[in-house]
Each structure stands twice: as C-alpha cells, then as structure tokens.
Protein backbone atom coordinates (compact mmCIF):
# COMPACT_ATOMS: atom_id res chain seq x y z
CA UNK A 1 13.50 -10.24 17.18
CA UNK A 2 14.61 -7.26 15.12
CA UNK A 3 12.01 -4.76 13.99
CA UNK A 4 11.61 -5.95 10.39
CA UNK A 5 9.85 -4.36 7.43
CA UNK A 6 8.94 -5.43 3.88
CA UNK A 7 10.12 -3.49 0.85
CA UNK A 8 6.50 -2.70 -0.06
CA UNK A 9 5.70 -1.26 3.35
CA UNK A 10 8.93 0.73 3.31
CA UNK A 11 8.01 2.27 -0.06
CA UNK A 12 4.57 3.20 1.30
CA UNK A 13 6.11 4.79 4.39
CA UNK A 14 8.59 6.77 2.27
CA UNK A 15 5.80 8.29 0.18
CA UNK A 16 3.54 8.90 3.16
CA UNK A 17 6.35 10.71 4.96
CA UNK A 18 6.41 13.24 2.15
CA UNK A 19 2.58 13.46 2.43
CA UNK A 20 3.02 14.38 6.11
CA UNK A 21 5.20 17.35 5.14
CA UNK A 22 8.71 15.89 5.33
CA UNK A 23 10.22 16.14 1.83
CA UNK A 24 12.07 13.25 0.23
CA UNK A 25 15.04 15.55 -0.28
CA UNK A 26 15.39 15.85 3.51
CA UNK A 27 15.19 12.07 3.96
CA UNK A 28 17.90 11.64 1.32
CA UNK A 29 20.13 14.19 3.01
CA UNK A 30 19.62 12.47 6.37
CA UNK A 31 20.32 9.07 4.81
CA UNK A 32 23.58 10.17 3.21
CA UNK A 33 24.74 11.90 6.37
CA UNK A 34 23.97 8.81 8.47
CA UNK A 35 25.82 6.62 5.98
CA UNK A 36 28.90 8.81 6.35
CA UNK A 37 28.62 8.80 10.15
CA UNK A 38 28.34 5.01 10.43
CA UNK A 39 31.10 4.35 7.91
CA UNK A 40 33.40 6.59 9.96
CA UNK A 41 32.40 4.80 13.16
CA UNK A 42 33.34 1.41 11.68
CA UNK A 43 36.41 2.36 9.65
CA UNK A 44 38.88 5.19 10.17
CA UNK A 45 38.50 7.00 6.85
CA UNK A 46 41.25 9.53 7.53
CA UNK A 47 43.75 9.40 4.70
CA UNK A 48 41.85 6.45 3.22
CA UNK A 49 40.48 5.99 -0.29
CA UNK A 50 36.72 5.52 -0.79
CA UNK A 51 35.02 4.37 -3.98
CA UNK A 52 31.26 4.67 -4.29
CA UNK A 53 29.37 2.68 -6.92
CA UNK A 54 26.04 4.42 -7.49
CA UNK A 55 22.97 3.63 -9.56
CA UNK A 56 20.48 6.04 -11.11
CA UNK A 57 17.76 5.55 -8.47
CA UNK A 58 17.34 6.90 -4.96
CA UNK A 59 19.91 4.43 -3.65
CA UNK A 60 22.39 6.23 -5.87
CA UNK A 61 21.08 9.57 -4.61
CA UNK A 62 21.78 8.53 -1.01
CA UNK A 63 25.29 7.60 -2.14
CA UNK A 64 25.83 11.01 -3.75
CA UNK A 65 25.07 12.62 -0.39
CA UNK A 66 27.40 10.17 1.35
CA UNK A 67 30.19 11.17 -1.05
CA UNK A 68 29.71 14.84 -0.24
CA UNK A 69 29.85 14.28 3.52
CA UNK A 70 32.72 11.80 3.60
CA UNK A 71 34.88 13.85 1.24
CA UNK A 72 35.76 16.12 4.17
CA UNK A 73 37.64 13.29 5.88
CA UNK A 74 38.82 10.77 3.28
CA UNK A 75 42.01 11.23 1.33
CA UNK A 76 40.39 10.26 -1.97
CA UNK A 77 36.71 9.86 -2.93
CA UNK A 78 35.64 8.47 -6.27
CA UNK A 79 32.02 8.14 -7.41
CA UNK A 80 31.34 5.67 -10.20
CA UNK A 81 27.90 6.20 -11.70
CA UNK A 82 26.68 3.01 -13.37
CA UNK A 83 24.28 4.27 -16.00
CA UNK A 84 23.42 7.37 -18.01
CA UNK A 85 23.47 10.54 -15.90
CA UNK A 86 20.57 11.90 -17.97
CA UNK A 87 18.47 8.97 -16.70
CA UNK A 88 18.88 9.64 -12.99
CA UNK A 89 15.35 8.96 -11.89
CA UNK A 90 14.21 11.40 -9.20
CA UNK A 91 14.52 15.16 -8.69
CA UNK A 92 16.25 14.56 -5.33
CA UNK A 93 18.92 12.34 -6.87
CA UNK A 94 19.42 14.79 -9.73
CA UNK A 95 19.90 17.61 -7.25
CA UNK A 96 22.60 15.74 -5.36
CA UNK A 97 24.29 14.61 -8.56
CA UNK A 98 24.48 18.23 -9.68
CA UNK A 99 26.13 19.11 -6.36
CA UNK A 100 28.81 16.46 -6.94
CA UNK A 101 29.59 17.90 -10.36
CA UNK A 102 30.61 21.11 -8.61
CA UNK A 103 33.04 19.27 -6.31
CA UNK A 104 35.74 18.68 -8.91
CA UNK A 105 38.62 19.18 -6.43
CA UNK A 106 37.41 16.76 -3.75
CA UNK A 107 35.51 14.06 -5.65
CA UNK A 108 36.49 12.19 -8.80
CA UNK A 109 33.54 11.17 -10.97
CA UNK A 110 33.42 8.35 -13.51
CA UNK A 111 30.40 7.41 -15.62
CA UNK A 112 30.01 3.83 -16.86
CA UNK A 113 27.28 3.13 -19.40
CA UNK A 114 28.61 -0.16 -20.77
CA UNK A 115 30.14 -3.10 -18.92
CA UNK A 116 33.18 -3.05 -21.23
CA UNK A 117 34.10 0.37 -19.82
CA UNK A 118 34.67 -1.14 -16.36
CA UNK A 119 37.85 -2.81 -17.63
CA UNK A 120 39.44 0.61 -18.15
CA UNK A 121 38.22 2.07 -14.85
CA UNK A 122 41.17 3.27 -12.78
CA UNK A 123 40.34 2.65 -9.14
CA UNK A 124 43.49 1.15 -7.61
CA UNK A 125 42.97 -0.66 -4.31
CA UNK A 126 40.37 1.37 -2.43
CA UNK A 127 40.17 0.98 1.34
CA UNK A 128 36.38 1.35 1.48
CA UNK A 129 33.89 0.28 -1.21
CA UNK A 130 30.30 1.55 -1.09
CA UNK A 131 27.51 -0.35 -2.88
CA UNK A 132 24.81 2.16 -3.80
CA UNK A 133 23.74 0.45 -7.03
CA UNK A 134 20.28 -0.96 -6.40
CA UNK A 135 17.69 -0.23 -3.73
CA UNK A 136 14.84 -2.26 -2.26
CA UNK A 137 12.54 -1.51 -5.18
CA UNK A 138 14.70 -3.34 -7.72
CA UNK A 139 14.25 -7.11 -7.91
CA UNK A 140 14.68 -9.84 -10.50
CA UNK A 141 17.40 -10.41 -13.08
CA UNK A 142 20.45 -8.16 -12.73
CA UNK A 143 21.22 -6.44 -16.01
CA UNK A 144 24.45 -5.06 -17.39
CA UNK A 145 26.41 -3.03 -16.58
CA UNK A 146 25.13 -3.47 -12.99
CA UNK A 147 26.02 -7.19 -12.99
CA UNK A 148 29.63 -6.50 -13.95
CA UNK A 149 29.83 -3.71 -11.36
CA UNK A 150 28.70 -6.16 -8.65
CA UNK A 151 31.38 -8.63 -9.73
CA UNK A 152 33.96 -5.85 -9.61
CA UNK A 153 32.89 -4.82 -6.09
CA UNK A 154 33.19 -8.41 -4.87
CA UNK A 155 36.67 -8.71 -6.38
CA UNK A 156 38.02 -5.76 -4.39
CA UNK A 157 39.73 -6.33 -1.03
CA UNK A 158 38.63 -3.24 0.91
CA UNK A 159 35.81 -2.99 3.43
CA UNK A 160 32.47 -3.30 1.61
CA UNK A 161 29.44 -1.32 2.78
CA UNK A 162 25.96 -1.80 1.25
CA UNK A 163 23.49 1.06 1.19
CA UNK A 164 20.13 -0.17 2.58
CA UNK A 165 20.39 -3.62 0.92
CA UNK A 166 23.22 -5.45 -0.88
CA UNK A 167 22.59 -5.03 -4.60
CA UNK A 168 21.24 -8.26 -6.07
CA UNK A 169 19.61 -9.53 -2.86
CA UNK A 170 15.83 -9.85 -2.66
CA UNK A 171 14.95 -7.41 0.18
CA UNK A 172 12.05 -9.54 1.41
CA UNK A 173 13.42 -13.08 1.18
CA UNK A 174 17.19 -12.63 1.14
CA UNK A 175 17.39 -14.82 -1.95
CA UNK A 176 20.26 -14.17 -4.38
CA UNK A 177 19.18 -15.53 -7.76
CA UNK A 178 22.41 -14.84 -9.64
CA UNK A 179 24.89 -12.45 -8.06
CA UNK A 180 24.86 -9.94 -5.23
CA UNK A 181 27.29 -7.77 -3.35
CA UNK A 182 28.86 -9.55 -0.39
CA UNK A 183 28.96 -6.76 2.18
CA UNK A 184 30.87 -6.51 5.43
CA UNK A 185 28.28 -4.00 6.65
CA UNK A 186 24.77 -3.14 5.49
CA UNK A 187 23.53 0.26 6.67
CA UNK A 188 19.77 0.08 6.31
CA UNK A 189 17.27 2.93 6.68
CA UNK A 190 14.47 3.25 9.24
CA UNK A 191 14.01 -0.48 9.87
CA UNK A 192 15.73 -3.72 8.95
CA UNK A 193 14.52 -5.18 5.67
CA UNK A 194 13.28 -8.74 6.10
CA UNK A 195 15.70 -10.28 3.61
CA UNK A 196 18.77 -9.00 5.43
CA UNK A 197 18.35 -11.30 8.40
CA UNK A 198 17.67 -14.26 6.09
CA UNK A 199 21.02 -13.99 4.34
CA UNK A 200 23.74 -12.62 6.59
CA UNK A 201 26.35 -14.20 4.34
CA UNK A 202 25.68 -11.27 1.99
CA UNK A 203 24.41 -8.59 4.36
CA UNK A 204 27.23 -8.84 6.92
CA UNK A 205 26.68 -6.76 10.04
CA UNK A 206 23.29 -5.05 9.79
CA UNK A 207 23.11 -1.49 11.08
CA UNK A 208 19.71 0.26 11.04
CA UNK A 209 19.75 4.07 11.12
CA UNK A 210 17.03 6.67 11.57
CA UNK A 211 16.59 9.15 8.73
CA UNK A 212 13.81 11.29 10.19
CA UNK A 213 10.72 9.26 9.30
CA UNK A 214 8.11 10.04 11.98
CA UNK A 215 6.06 7.31 13.70
CA UNK A 216 2.90 8.72 12.08
CA UNK A 217 4.16 7.69 8.63
CA UNK A 218 3.64 4.07 9.68
CA UNK A 219 0.00 4.39 10.72
CA UNK A 220 -1.51 7.37 8.86
CA UNK A 221 -2.90 6.34 5.47
CA UNK A 222 -1.55 8.36 2.56
CA UNK A 223 -0.88 8.30 -1.19
CA UNK A 224 1.71 5.56 -0.68
CA UNK A 225 -1.16 3.21 0.24
CA UNK A 226 -2.99 4.26 -2.90
CA UNK A 227 -0.02 3.70 -5.20
CA UNK A 228 0.02 0.00 -4.45
CA UNK A 229 -3.54 -0.54 -5.70
CA UNK A 230 -3.28 1.33 -9.00
CA UNK A 231 -2.86 -1.24 -11.75
CA UNK A 232 -1.74 -0.52 -15.26
CA UNK A 233 -4.04 -2.15 -17.78
CA UNK A 234 -2.22 -4.17 -20.45
CA UNK A 235 -3.44 -3.70 -24.00
CA UNK A 236 -4.43 -7.39 -24.12
CA UNK A 237 -6.75 -7.10 -21.08
CA UNK A 238 -10.17 -8.71 -21.32
CA UNK A 239 -13.53 -7.95 -19.75
CA UNK A 240 -13.49 -9.27 -16.23
CA UNK A 241 -9.72 -9.15 -15.71
CA UNK A 242 -10.14 -6.21 -13.34
CA UNK A 243 -12.85 -7.60 -11.16
CA UNK A 244 -16.33 -9.10 -11.26
CA UNK A 245 -18.28 -7.70 -8.33
CA UNK A 246 -21.54 -9.00 -6.89
CA UNK A 247 -23.58 -6.69 -4.66
CA UNK A 248 -26.24 -8.40 -2.54
CA UNK A 249 -28.48 -5.65 -1.19
CA UNK A 250 -31.73 -3.73 -1.34
CA UNK A 251 -35.28 -4.44 -0.30
CA UNK A 252 -35.38 -3.87 3.41
CA UNK A 253 -38.37 -2.65 5.35
CA UNK A 254 -38.69 0.54 3.29
CA UNK A 255 -37.74 -1.00 -0.05
CA UNK A 256 -34.23 0.48 -0.08
CA UNK A 257 -32.74 0.77 -3.55
CA UNK A 258 -30.15 3.55 -3.28
CA UNK A 259 -27.59 1.80 -1.05
CA UNK A 260 -26.77 -1.17 -3.33
CA UNK A 261 -26.83 1.14 -6.35
CA UNK A 262 -24.24 3.46 -4.83
CA UNK A 263 -22.03 0.50 -3.92
CA UNK A 264 -22.30 -0.94 -7.42
CA UNK A 265 -21.60 2.33 -9.21
CA UNK A 266 -18.65 3.06 -6.90
CA UNK A 267 -17.16 -0.35 -7.74
CA UNK A 268 -17.48 0.36 -11.47
CA UNK A 269 -16.02 3.85 -11.25
CA UNK A 270 -13.11 2.60 -9.13
CA UNK A 271 -12.24 0.19 -11.93
CA UNK A 272 -14.25 -3.03 -11.75
CA UNK A 273 -15.09 -4.46 -15.16
CA UNK A 274 -18.46 -5.99 -14.28
CA UNK A 275 -20.95 -5.39 -11.48
CA UNK A 276 -24.03 -7.48 -10.79
CA UNK A 277 -26.56 -6.31 -8.21
CA UNK A 278 -28.73 -9.07 -6.82
CA UNK A 279 -31.77 -7.47 -5.21
CA UNK A 280 -35.31 -8.45 -4.24
CA UNK A 281 -37.91 -7.89 -6.96
CA UNK A 282 -39.46 -5.11 -4.85
CA UNK A 283 -36.53 -2.84 -5.75
CA UNK A 284 -34.72 -4.49 -8.68
CA UNK A 285 -36.60 -2.50 -11.35
CA UNK A 286 -35.85 0.76 -9.55
CA UNK A 287 -32.14 -0.10 -9.35
CA UNK A 288 -32.14 -1.08 -13.04
CA UNK A 289 -33.48 2.36 -13.92
CA UNK A 290 -30.66 4.19 -12.10
CA UNK A 291 -27.98 3.24 -14.59
CA UNK A 292 -27.55 1.11 -17.72
CA UNK A 293 -24.03 0.26 -16.50
CA UNK A 294 -25.35 -2.02 -13.77
CA UNK A 295 -26.49 -5.59 -14.36
CA UNK A 296 -29.42 -6.24 -12.03
CA UNK A 297 -30.51 -9.73 -11.02
CA UNK A 298 -34.00 -10.23 -9.59
CA UNK A 299 -34.34 -12.14 -6.35
CA UNK A 300 -37.80 -13.39 -5.34
CA UNK A 301 -39.86 -11.51 -2.78
CA UNK A 302 -39.97 -8.08 -1.19
CA UNK A 303 -36.87 -8.69 0.94
CA UNK A 304 -33.96 -11.13 1.08
CA UNK A 305 -35.17 -14.54 2.14
CA UNK A 306 -34.32 -18.23 1.87
CA UNK A 307 -35.85 -18.33 -1.63
CA UNK A 308 -32.98 -16.15 -2.86
CA UNK A 309 -30.25 -18.67 -2.04
CA UNK A 310 -30.69 -20.91 -5.09
CA UNK A 311 -30.61 -18.08 -7.70
CA UNK A 312 -27.68 -16.51 -5.85
CA UNK A 313 -25.42 -19.58 -5.93
CA UNK A 314 -24.13 -19.20 -9.53
CA UNK A 315 -23.53 -15.48 -8.92
CA UNK A 316 -21.53 -16.23 -5.77
CA UNK A 317 -19.34 -18.58 -7.81
CA UNK A 318 -19.00 -16.02 -10.66
CA UNK A 319 -17.81 -13.13 -8.52
CA UNK A 320 -14.19 -12.24 -7.74
CA UNK A 321 -15.52 -10.21 -4.78
CA UNK A 322 -18.86 -9.83 -3.04
CA UNK A 323 -20.42 -6.88 -1.21
CA UNK A 324 -23.24 -7.89 1.09
CA UNK A 325 -25.45 -5.75 3.29
CA UNK A 326 -26.38 -2.37 1.76
CA UNK A 327 -30.10 -1.76 2.21
CA UNK A 328 -31.04 -5.36 3.05
CA UNK A 329 -33.06 -4.56 6.17
CA UNK A 330 -33.39 -6.47 9.43
CA UNK A 331 -36.30 -8.85 8.92
CA UNK A 332 -35.60 -12.03 10.87
CA UNK A 333 -35.65 -14.15 7.72
CA UNK A 334 -33.20 -11.73 6.09
CA UNK A 335 -30.80 -12.05 9.03
CA UNK A 336 -30.93 -15.87 8.79
CA UNK A 337 -30.41 -15.76 5.02
CA UNK A 338 -27.43 -13.43 5.32
CA UNK A 339 -25.73 -15.96 7.60
CA UNK A 340 -26.39 -18.78 5.12
CA UNK A 341 -24.89 -16.66 2.30
CA UNK A 342 -21.87 -15.76 4.42
CA UNK A 343 -21.28 -19.44 5.12
CA UNK A 344 -21.36 -20.17 1.38
CA UNK A 345 -18.92 -17.31 0.78
CA UNK A 346 -16.65 -18.79 3.44
CA UNK A 347 -16.71 -22.15 1.67
CA UNK A 348 -15.87 -20.50 -1.65
CA UNK A 349 -13.19 -18.34 0.05
CA UNK A 350 -14.31 -15.42 -2.11
CA UNK A 351 -13.19 -11.96 -0.94
CA UNK A 352 -16.12 -10.18 0.70
CA UNK A 353 -17.13 -6.79 2.06
CA UNK A 354 -19.62 -6.99 4.94
CA UNK A 355 -21.54 -3.74 5.35
CA UNK A 356 -24.64 -2.25 6.97
CA UNK A 357 -27.32 -4.79 7.87
CA UNK A 358 -25.03 -7.76 7.19
CA UNK A 359 -22.82 -6.49 10.02
CA UNK A 360 -25.73 -6.73 12.43
CA UNK A 361 -26.44 -10.24 11.17
CA UNK A 362 -22.84 -11.25 11.82
CA UNK A 363 -23.30 -10.49 15.51
CA UNK A 364 -25.00 -13.90 15.61
CA UNK A 365 -21.92 -15.73 14.31
CA UNK A 366 -18.71 -13.78 14.85
CA UNK A 367 -16.35 -16.41 13.45
CA UNK A 368 -18.22 -17.05 10.22
CA UNK A 369 -15.61 -15.36 7.98
CA UNK A 370 -12.38 -16.32 9.73
CA UNK A 371 -9.43 -17.18 7.51
CA UNK A 372 -10.86 -15.78 4.27
CA UNK A 373 -10.16 -12.34 2.70
CA UNK A 374 -12.89 -10.26 4.30
CA UNK A 375 -13.37 -6.58 5.16
CA UNK A 376 -16.09 -5.43 7.53
CA UNK A 377 -17.06 -1.74 7.46
CA UNK A 378 -18.98 -0.75 10.60
CA UNK A 379 -19.63 2.72 11.95
CA UNK A 380 -19.26 3.15 15.72
CA UNK A 381 -22.80 1.96 16.43
CA UNK A 382 -22.44 -1.19 14.32
CA UNK A 383 -19.03 -1.84 15.88
CA UNK A 384 -20.69 -1.81 19.32
CA UNK A 385 -23.42 -4.21 18.16
CA UNK A 386 -20.78 -6.56 16.78
CA UNK A 387 -18.16 -6.39 19.54
CA UNK A 388 -19.91 -4.93 22.58
CA UNK A 389 -17.29 -2.15 22.70
CA UNK A 390 -18.32 1.51 22.72
CA UNK A 391 -15.57 3.35 20.82
CA UNK A 392 -17.09 6.72 21.73
CA UNK A 393 -15.97 6.13 25.32
CA UNK A 394 -12.38 5.68 24.09
CA UNK A 395 -11.38 9.29 23.58
CA UNK A 396 -7.77 8.85 22.41
CA UNK A 397 -7.56 8.14 18.66
CA UNK A 398 -4.47 5.96 18.89
CA UNK A 399 -6.00 3.94 21.72
CA UNK A 400 -9.12 3.47 19.57
CA UNK A 401 -6.91 2.10 16.82
CA UNK A 402 -5.49 -0.50 19.20
CA UNK A 403 -9.02 -1.51 20.26
CA UNK A 404 -9.92 -2.07 16.60
CA UNK A 405 -6.71 -4.06 16.09
CA UNK A 406 -7.65 -6.37 18.96
CA UNK A 407 -11.15 -6.89 17.54
CA UNK A 408 -9.80 -7.61 14.06
CA UNK A 409 -7.49 -10.24 15.53
CA UNK A 410 -10.38 -11.82 17.43
CA UNK A 411 -12.66 -11.94 14.37
CA UNK A 412 -9.94 -13.02 11.95
CA UNK A 413 -10.82 -10.36 9.35
CA UNK A 414 -9.99 -6.78 8.43
CA UNK A 415 -11.95 -4.02 10.14
CA UNK A 416 -12.53 -0.63 8.52
CA UNK A 417 -14.33 1.35 11.19
CA UNK A 418 -15.86 4.50 9.69
CA UNK A 419 -15.68 7.82 11.50
CA UNK A 420 -13.95 11.18 11.66
CA UNK A 421 -10.79 9.10 11.51
CA UNK A 422 -11.25 5.74 9.79
CA UNK A 423 -9.65 2.96 11.87
CA UNK A 424 -8.29 0.03 9.86
CA UNK A 425 -6.69 -3.19 11.06
CA UNK A 426 -6.24 -6.82 10.07
CA UNK A 427 -5.33 -7.82 13.62
CA UNK A 428 -1.61 -7.38 13.05
CA UNK A 429 -1.23 -4.11 11.17
CA UNK A 430 -3.24 -1.00 11.98
CA UNK A 431 -3.69 2.36 10.25
CA UNK A 432 -5.76 5.51 10.52
CA UNK A 433 -7.23 7.43 7.58
CA UNK A 434 -7.79 11.17 8.00
CA UNK A 435 -8.99 12.31 4.58
CA UNK A 436 -12.62 12.63 5.67
CA UNK A 437 -14.67 15.80 5.98
CA UNK A 438 -17.72 16.56 8.13
CA UNK A 439 -19.71 17.03 4.92
CA UNK A 440 -19.64 13.25 4.55
CA UNK A 441 -22.13 12.63 7.35
CA UNK A 442 -24.80 12.50 4.63
CA UNK A 443 -26.31 9.06 4.04
CA UNK A 444 -24.80 6.85 1.34
CA UNK A 445 -21.12 7.72 1.67
CA UNK A 446 -20.53 4.42 3.45
CA UNK A 447 -22.12 2.55 0.56
CA UNK A 448 -19.72 4.28 -1.82
CA UNK A 449 -16.86 3.18 0.44
CA UNK A 450 -18.06 -0.43 0.32
CA UNK A 451 -18.09 -0.31 -3.47
CA UNK A 452 -14.51 0.97 -3.57
CA UNK A 453 -13.34 -1.72 -1.15
CA UNK A 454 -15.21 -4.38 -3.12
CA UNK A 455 -13.60 -3.33 -6.39
CA UNK A 456 -10.09 -3.51 -4.91
CA UNK A 457 -10.76 -6.89 -3.30
CA UNK A 458 -12.08 -8.10 -6.65
CA UNK A 459 -8.77 -7.10 -8.22
CA UNK A 460 -7.03 -9.45 -5.80
CA UNK A 461 -5.49 -6.90 -3.44
CA UNK A 462 -5.05 -8.07 0.17
CA UNK A 463 -7.89 -6.91 2.46
CA UNK A 464 -5.73 -4.58 4.56
CA UNK A 465 -4.23 -2.91 1.47
CA UNK A 466 -7.68 -2.60 -0.14
CA UNK A 467 -9.25 -1.11 3.00
CA UNK A 468 -6.48 1.48 3.44
CA UNK A 469 -6.61 2.65 -0.15
CA UNK A 470 -10.42 2.66 -0.25
CA UNK A 471 -10.71 4.80 2.86
CA UNK A 472 -8.19 7.25 1.41
CA UNK A 473 -10.01 7.44 -1.95
CA UNK A 474 -13.46 7.78 -0.38
CA UNK A 475 -12.42 10.57 2.00
CA UNK A 476 -10.50 12.46 -0.66
CA UNK A 477 -13.45 12.24 -3.05
CA UNK A 478 -15.58 13.75 -0.27
CA UNK A 479 -13.13 16.62 0.16
CA UNK A 480 -13.11 17.34 -3.56
CA UNK A 481 -16.92 17.23 -3.62
CA UNK A 482 -17.17 19.62 -0.67
CA UNK A 483 -14.79 22.05 -2.36
CA UNK A 484 -16.76 21.89 -5.60
CA UNK A 485 -20.00 22.53 -3.73
CA UNK A 486 -18.43 25.45 -1.81
CA UNK A 487 -19.64 24.11 1.51
CA UNK A 488 -20.84 21.05 3.46
CA UNK A 489 -23.86 20.35 1.24
CA UNK A 490 -22.74 17.27 -0.66
CA UNK A 491 -24.72 14.11 -1.36
CA UNK A 492 -23.35 10.62 -1.81
CA UNK A 493 -23.59 10.71 -5.62
CA UNK A 494 -21.17 13.68 -5.56
CA UNK A 495 -18.48 11.30 -4.31
CA UNK A 496 -18.92 9.10 -7.38
CA UNK A 497 -17.93 11.99 -9.64
CA UNK A 498 -14.67 12.56 -7.78
CA UNK A 499 -13.43 8.98 -7.32
CA UNK A 500 -11.27 9.18 -10.49
CA UNK A 501 -9.66 12.42 -9.31
CA UNK A 502 -9.05 10.97 -5.86
CA UNK A 503 -7.31 7.98 -7.46
CA UNK A 504 -5.02 10.14 -9.57
CA UNK A 505 -1.42 9.94 -8.43
CA UNK A 506 0.81 12.94 -8.99
C-alpha cells in the first residue's frame, strides 16, 4: 500500500520542518521546482502554452514558483490569481508573487477577484492547465470565484495537473461535495494524501515528490503538534466547555499533598475550566490551602482505600478527563482500590492519565484500560515495573522509541515515557520530544506534565495528540524557567508560571 498521510499530520510536519531549521521558503522553492520537473517529464512543454490557476494560500505560492521555473521552456505562461493579491496569506507566497511581477516579458499575469471577470479572461486553448487553487488545509463549501475557476478548468481540453490535491476534493476522504478539479495528474508533496487514493476519478495519476522534508520532521515533536491543541474560545463559551478535570491523588505513606496539587494547577493553567482534587482527608485540607482555584473533595481515611469508591463515583461521571496516581502511595489497599477505580473509568470510557503510583498498580492488570482514551506517563523505572523492559539498556534513542511503540500496542493505550527525550506512542504512531532540560530532574515536574495531558484529554483531543503537545509544553516551560533562574535551580512550581508562554504560538 502507498505511504499515506492525513492533511492534519502533513500540516504538523510542515511546521515542524521549519522548527528543525529548514525554512518554509525552501520547501516552497523545492515544491515549485519539482512541479516543473514532473510536468516536463509527463508533457513536452516546449513551444506549449501553460496556464496556472493559483489561490492566495501556499498552494498558490507553490504555483508561482512553478511558473518561474517552467517559463524557461514553455512558449507561453499565464498565471491567473483567483483572489486579491493584497490577501496572499504567507510571507513565502508573497515573496514568490513579487518575483512574478518582475517577469513581465515571460509570464502574463491576470487577477480575478469576482467570478464575472472569468468570462472576459483571454486564455485561448492552453496545452497544460495547472490547478494551484486550494491546498490540503481548505475543506468544505467552495466559494466564488474559486467555484467558477474550477468549472473553467474542467471545461478546458488541455492536460490538467493538480498541485498536491485537486481543488474541491477532501484530502482525507476523497469526497467531492460539490465540484472539484478533474486532474489527469496530481503531483503531491512528501507523501500521498489519503483522499487521493479514494477518488482516482478526480486525482488521476498520483505522483508523490520529495521537497526536502527530513525524516526527523515526522517523529520529533515541535510547534506543529502544539498548534493542533490550541482552541479559540467562542464568546458564547460556558464554564466547563474546556474541560472538567478530576485528580485522584494524595495521601500516601508520607501524606503527600504536593503532587496532586501540581497536577491540578497545571491543568487549570493549561486551560481547563474546572478542576476537582479528590484526596484522603489526611491531606485534603493542606491541598485546599495551596490555592483557592482548586476544588478539593475529601475522601475518607489517611490513604486511598475502598471507602473512597462510593464518594468518587459521581465525580468520575462528572469529569471529562481523570488524572489518577500522583502521591497516592503504595499501600496494598490503595493498589487494590486504584484497580477498582480504573475498571470504573474503563466502563465509563472517560479519558484518563495514569501516573506515578497508579502505574505501579496497573502492573497487576495490564489490559485494564484497553480501547479507551488513556495516556500512561512512566519514567524509565516505572516503565520497567510495568513492562519488564529496561530502557536504559537500549542505548539508541530511535530504537528506544520503537520499544515504546511495541509496548503501547500491547497495552492498547498511549505511552508518554519521561526522560531526557520523551518517548510517545499509541502503538501505531511514535514521536520523540526534545524540549527538556536537565534542570527538570527536580521532583514534581512529572506531576505538572500529567496536569497538562489531563487538560488536553479533557478538551477531547486524541491521546497521542494530547501527549505530544503536553510533552512539548512541559519541556519548553522548563527551559523558560531555567533561563529565568539563570541556571539549573528550578522547582516544579516554576514550570506553572511558564506554561502560558510555552503555549504561545508565534
């Protein structure tokens, strides 16, 4: 089967490629050059006429580059911009548009802002028609004048070439809701978009080309992963729309109170609307005194026990995501109770983060969370307790990532293994996060991470997406904290202050 990719993953890879030091302008140049090369390999463009229909997005920008390269060989090149040139969206596309404006002897430019203007467009009978109107990021109803431009393209008799995806086709499903370009060839970048193989009536012959995206862009977490978990908040939003998080933690043998507090505060700062911390009465008052932002629910006893199950049940049903484990301790009754709670979570199918002592409890029932949205966040020691595998003995980072992938597949949940490089996998996909700093070896940073993951799960993001973004945010917050402290002397609460900055997209 072809190596397929979703439009969302492709957008993430594009942005992460820039994060790795390869500018978008270079990718666009490579894309346009490859378009010209493939077109020439399929059709002899010598003394032929080429018309390029371009939109105002990056798909149009790729087409501008194509026009520049192919103008050396074709007899006539015409670029028809569908839209307002002042609304060309990205700096890279603007740069290549400006270059075309200086090529008045080799390229004819027409600008169409209204569908009625297409009737007066003088194009003759071009030999080659390029569709660079809409890219993979544009879905839904086709608006004017794009719709009329698509109809015009389909009415022409020359060879039709689509840039990345035929305009009007859903890149993930291949569905054409109204109209789409019927291409003879689709030249698609990096990997074949899933929808292309579902609808070859419109995509024609599919030709994938490399544009210089490195393999690392597919498995190193970057700002592209973050962008897909940043929600705009509508003005009509209500309390609870952005997550109701339950943290079950605290107590333990030494009456731990800090771990669940850090997780709860991290969830709030990341963007959850409501956080309840359910903790044994031995520590609940202490947690309540840390912050008025947290709602603290008392559970009976000095540590988590069977008597907590009844008061927990309405909270389990209330939550849009649950974090279980921080500071619970390893009393035998606590271990048994954790497993009972996890079974109830499985029945409810509520998204859950399993951390700290709950990970150790899960070693007694490894399949307890299969087939529900769950993220488990072990460090290397906890990973060994859970799986029997010592990751320290696996010295190659990429090999470690494959080991984690295999374990995630076996357990049927997403793993986020904490370390110098965070290793993240849902059993199918696998990524590595490298934003961490050695200053984060201080206790509590993992609890902050759990809170971030919990918030994103509570906002209904898929576990793998939530884990990637959370690891990136947590590590970046640590870096900002270390810089502010002028050395490796941070504490976990420093991370809380920098979560908003780490979530800020440029």
